[in-house]
């Protein structure tokens, strides 16, 4: 991301681009975790034959895994 920032704003110093990239990454990770927490608290569906509630834990795992790619 730092390289992309430097391309967009060639007038800034490399250390500034690094700070911006780190701040952006922190925001992305915080938003991803917030989404995963919402998914965990969500009842996504009810399995009709059994009536068992299906929660968003699988979705939460998938959201968190995106940060590992």
C-alpha atoms as a PDB file:
ATOM      1  CA  UNK A   1       0.000   0.000   0.000  1.00  0.00           C
ATOM      2  CA  UNK A   2       2.908   2.328   0.709  1.00  0.00           C
ATOM      3  CA  UNK A   3       3.981   2.202  -2.939  1.00  0.00           C
ATOM      4  CA  UNK A   4       0.465   3.063  -4.052  1.00  0.00           C
ATOM      5  CA  UNK A   5       0.382   6.031  -1.668  1.00  0.00           C
ATOM      6  CA  UNK A   6       3.743   7.223  -2.985  1.00  0.00           C
ATOM      7  CA  UNK A   7       2.410   7.027  -6.553  1.00  0.00           C
ATOM      8  CA  UNK A   8      -0.638   9.090  -5.651  1.00  0.00           C
ATOM      9  CA  UNK A   9       1.300  11.641  -3.619  1.00  0.00           C
ATOM     10  CA  UNK A  10       4.908  11.703  -4.825  1.00  0.00           C
ATOM     11  CA  UNK A  11       5.575  14.873  -2.840  1.00  0.00           C
ATOM     12  CA  UNK A  12       5.314  13.131   0.553  1.00  0.00           C
ATOM     13  CA  UNK A  13       8.234  11.462   2.285  1.00  0.00           C
ATOM     14  CA  UNK A  14       8.529   7.699   2.441  1.00  0.00           C
ATOM     15  CA  UNK A  15       8.123   7.700   6.225  1.00  0.00           C
ATOM     16  CA  UNK A  16       4.858   9.633   5.842  1.00  0.00           C
ATOM     17  CA  UNK A  17       3.560   7.100   3.349  1.00  0.00           C
ATOM     18  CA  UNK A  18       4.502   4.336   5.781  1.00  0.00           C
ATOM     19  CA  UNK A  19       2.544   6.016   8.599  1.00  0.00           C
ATOM     20  CA  UNK A  20      -0.492   6.427   6.355  1.00  0.00           C
ATOM     21  CA  UNK A  21      -0.305   2.796   5.220  1.00  0.00           C
ATOM     22  CA  UNK A  22      -0.029   1.542   8.812  1.00  0.00           C
ATOM     23  CA  UNK A  23      -2.960   3.692   9.949  1.00  0.00           C
ATOM     24  CA  UNK A  24      -5.091   2.481   7.046  1.00  0.00           C
ATOM     25  CA  UNK A  25      -4.225  -1.162   7.804  1.00  0.00           C
ATOM     26  CA  UNK A  26      -5.189  -0.697  11.461  1.00  0.00           C
ATOM     27  CA  UNK A  27      -8.565   0.719  10.385  1.00  0.00           C
ATOM     28  CA  UNK A  28      -9.140  -2.175   7.995  1.00  0.00           C
ATOM     29  CA  UNK A  29      -8.370  -4.716  10.723  1.00  0.00           C
ATOM     30  CA  UNK A  30     -10.628  -2.941  13.233  1.00  0.00           C
ATOM     31  CA  UNK A  31     -13.500  -2.832  10.743  1.00  0.00           C
ATOM     32  CA  UNK A  32     -13.007  -6.508   9.856  1.00  0.00           C
ATOM     33  CA  UNK A  33     -13.152  -7.476  13.537  1.00  0.00           C
ATOM     34  CA  UNK A  34     -16.256  -5.325  14.094  1.00  0.00           C
ATOM     35  CA  UNK A  35     -17.978  -7.074  11.183  1.00  0.00           C
ATOM     36  CA  UNK A  36     -16.987 -10.488  12.527  1.00  0.00           C
ATOM     37  CA  UNK A  37     -18.437  -9.632  15.943  1.00  0.00           C
ATOM     38  CA  UNK A  38     -21.728  -8.581  14.372  1.00  0.00           C
ATOM     39  CA  UNK A  39     -21.794 -11.830  12.396  1.00  0.00           C
ATOM     40  CA  UNK A  40     -21.177 -13.875  15.549  1.00  0.00           C
ATOM     41  CA  UNK A  41     -24.149 -12.256  17.254  1.00  0.00           C
ATOM     42  CA  UNK A  42     -26.455 -12.831  14.317  1.00  0.00           C
ATOM     43  CA  UNK A  43     -28.889 -15.690  13.930  1.00  0.00           C
ATOM     44  CA  UNK A  44     -28.604 -16.180  10.192  1.00  0.00           C
ATOM     45  CA  UNK A  45     -31.310 -18.752   9.678  1.00  0.00           C
ATOM     46  CA  UNK A  46     -33.315 -21.509  11.266  1.00  0.00           C
ATOM     47  CA  UNK A  47     -32.882 -25.034   9.980  1.00  0.00           C
ATOM     48  CA  UNK A  48     -36.479 -25.823   9.059  1.00  0.00           C
ATOM     49  CA  UNK A  49     -36.669 -29.582   9.702  1.00  0.00           C
ATOM     50  CA  UNK A  50     -35.021 -29.383  13.124  1.00  0.00           C
ATOM     51  CA  UNK A  51     -35.744 -25.827  14.212  1.00  0.00           C
ATOM     52  CA  UNK A  52     -32.086 -25.421  15.172  1.00  0.00           C
ATOM     53  CA  UNK A  53     -30.845 -21.844  14.962  1.00  0.00           C
ATOM     54  CA  UNK A  54     -27.869 -21.323  12.675  1.00  0.00           C
ATOM     55  CA  UNK A  55     -25.586 -18.570  13.918  1.00  0.00           C
ATOM     56  CA  UNK A  56     -23.117 -16.417  12.042  1.00  0.00           C
ATOM     57  CA  UNK A  57     -20.022 -18.090  13.462  1.00  0.00           C
ATOM     58  CA  UNK A  58     -19.040 -19.480  10.067  1.00  0.00           C
ATOM     59  CA  UNK A  59     -19.411 -16.039   8.545  1.00  0.00           C
ATOM     60  CA  UNK A  60     -17.316 -14.554  11.363  1.00  0.00           C
ATOM     61  CA  UNK A  61     -14.568 -17.105  10.716  1.00  0.00           C
ATOM     62  CA  UNK A  62     -14.620 -16.269   7.008  1.00  0.00           C
ATOM     63  CA  UNK A  63     -14.407 -12.535   7.722  1.00  0.00           C
ATOM     64  CA  UNK A  64     -11.440 -12.982  10.041  1.00  0.00           C
ATOM     65  CA  UNK A  65      -9.724 -15.321   7.572  1.00  0.00           C
ATOM     66  CA  UNK A  66      -9.718 -12.579   4.937  1.00  0.00           C
ATOM     67  CA  UNK A  67      -7.069 -10.822   6.999  1.00  0.00           C
ATOM     68  CA  UNK A  68      -4.814 -13.871   6.730  1.00  0.00           C
ATOM     69  CA  UNK A  69      -4.760 -13.904   2.931  1.00  0.00           C
END
